[in-house]
C-alpha atoms as a PDB file:
ATOM      1  CA  MET A   1      57.929  35.088  92.304  1.00  0.00           C
ATOM      2  CA  SER A   2      54.951  32.761  92.260  1.00  0.00           C
ATOM      3  CA  THR A   3      52.727  31.995  95.174  1.00  0.00           C
ATOM      4  CA  PHE A   4      50.769  28.849  95.933  1.00  0.00           C
ATOM      5  CA  ASN A   5      47.071  29.418  95.418  1.00  0.00           C
ATOM      6  CA  ILE A   6      44.697  26.890  96.998  1.00  0.00           C
ATOM      7  CA  GLY A   7      42.013  27.746  94.412  1.00  0.00           C
ATOM      8  CA  ASP A   8      44.311  26.740  91.564  1.00  0.00           C
ATOM      9  CA  ALA A   9      45.167  23.478  93.304  1.00  0.00           C
ATOM     10  CA  ILE A  10      41.490  22.635  93.834  1.00  0.00           C
ATOM     11  CA  TYR A  11      40.733  23.533  90.203  1.00  0.00           C
ATOM     12  CA  GLN A  12      43.483  21.204  88.961  1.00  0.00           C
ATOM     13  CA  LEU A  13      42.377  18.376  91.267  1.00  0.00           C
ATOM     14  CA  VAL A  14      38.757  18.693  90.099  1.00  0.00           C
ATOM     15  CA  PHE A  15      39.728  18.492  86.435  1.00  0.00           C
ATOM     16  CA  LEU A  16      42.154  15.643  87.111  1.00  0.00           C
ATOM     17  CA  ALA A  17      39.329  13.745  88.841  1.00  0.00           C
ATOM     18  CA  LEU A  18      37.036  14.545  85.905  1.00  0.00           C
ATOM     19  CA  LEU A  19      39.605  13.163  83.478  1.00  0.00           C
ATOM     20  CA  VAL A  20      40.008   9.987  85.550  1.00  0.00           C
ATOM     21  CA  PHE A  21      36.225   9.487  85.668  1.00  0.00           C
ATOM     22  CA  VAL A  22      35.879   9.961  81.907  1.00  0.00           C
ATOM     23  CA  ILE A  23      38.608   7.395  81.238  1.00  0.00           C
ATOM     24  CA  TYR A  24      37.035   5.003  83.775  1.00  0.00           C
ATOM     25  CA  PHE A  25      33.590   5.257  82.160  1.00  0.00           C
ATOM     26  CA  ILE A  26      35.009   4.720  78.676  1.00  0.00           C
ATOM     27  CA  VAL A  27      36.835   1.584  79.819  1.00  0.00           C
ATOM     28  CA  ALA A  28      33.774   0.366  81.739  1.00  0.00           C
ATOM     29  CA  PHE A  29      31.596   0.926  78.667  1.00  0.00           C
ATOM     30  CA  PHE A  30      33.833  -1.183  76.424  1.00  0.00           C
ATOM     31  CA  ARG A  31      34.170  -3.928  79.043  1.00  0.00           C
ATOM     32  CA  SER A  32      30.402  -4.008  79.452  1.00  0.00           C
ATOM     33  CA  ASN A  33      29.899  -4.288  75.695  1.00  0.00           C
ATOM     34  CA  LYS A  34      32.399  -7.134  75.490  1.00  0.00           C
ATOM     35  CA  LYS A  35      30.704  -8.961  78.364  1.00  0.00           C
ATOM     36  CA  ARG A  36      27.277  -8.444  76.786  1.00  0.00           C
ATOM     37  CA  LYS A  37      28.522  -9.776  73.447  1.00  0.00           C
ATOM     38  CA  THR A  38      29.963 -12.929  74.978  1.00  0.00           C
ATOM     39  CA  GLN A  39      26.744 -13.478  76.917  1.00  0.00           C
ATOM     40  CA  LEU A  40      24.680 -13.083  73.746  1.00  0.00           C
ATOM     41  CA  ASP A  41      26.986 -15.519  71.944  1.00  0.00           C
ATOM     42  CA  ARG A  42      26.418 -18.106  74.691  1.00  0.00           C
ATOM     43  CA  ILE A  43      22.645 -17.625  74.532  1.00  0.00           C
ATOM     44  CA  GLU A  44      22.711 -17.923  70.750  1.00  0.00           C
ATOM     45  CA  GLN A  45      24.666 -21.176  70.995  1.00  0.00           C
ATOM     46  CA  LYS A  46      22.186 -22.583  73.504  1.00  0.00           C
ATOM     47  CA  ILE A  47      19.273 -21.675  71.210  1.00  0.00           C
ATOM     48  CA  GLN A  48      20.985 -23.405  68.305  1.00  0.00           C
ATOM     49  CA  ASP A  49      21.524 -26.521  70.445  1.00  0.00           C
ATOM     50  CA  VAL A  50      17.856 -26.575  71.422  1.00  0.00           C
ATOM     51  CA  GLU A  51      16.776 -26.119  67.790  1.00  0.00           C
ATOM     52  CA  GLU A  52      18.999 -29.027  66.719  1.00  0.00           C
ATOM     53  CA  ARG A  53      17.500 -31.257  69.415  1.00  0.00           C
ATOM     54  CA  LEU A  54      13.950 -30.316  68.373  1.00  0.00           C
ATOM     55  CA  ASN A  55      14.691 -30.980  64.695  1.00  0.00           C
ATOM     56  CA  LYS A  56      16.069 -34.453  65.448  1.00  0.00           C
ATOM     57  CA  HIS A  57      12.799 -35.599  67.042  1.00  0.00           C
END
């Protein structure tokens, strides 16, 4: 017959929370990289536009 042990429950909750945090940080990392890449692409396009305007004059 098994008994409910509060220590085991806390242990499982801590590692479940750890797993959730790891997954969250991985997803946040990839989202941040995607956002940074799109921002850099926009900046690069603006620089190219400015260079084209300077070369025309």
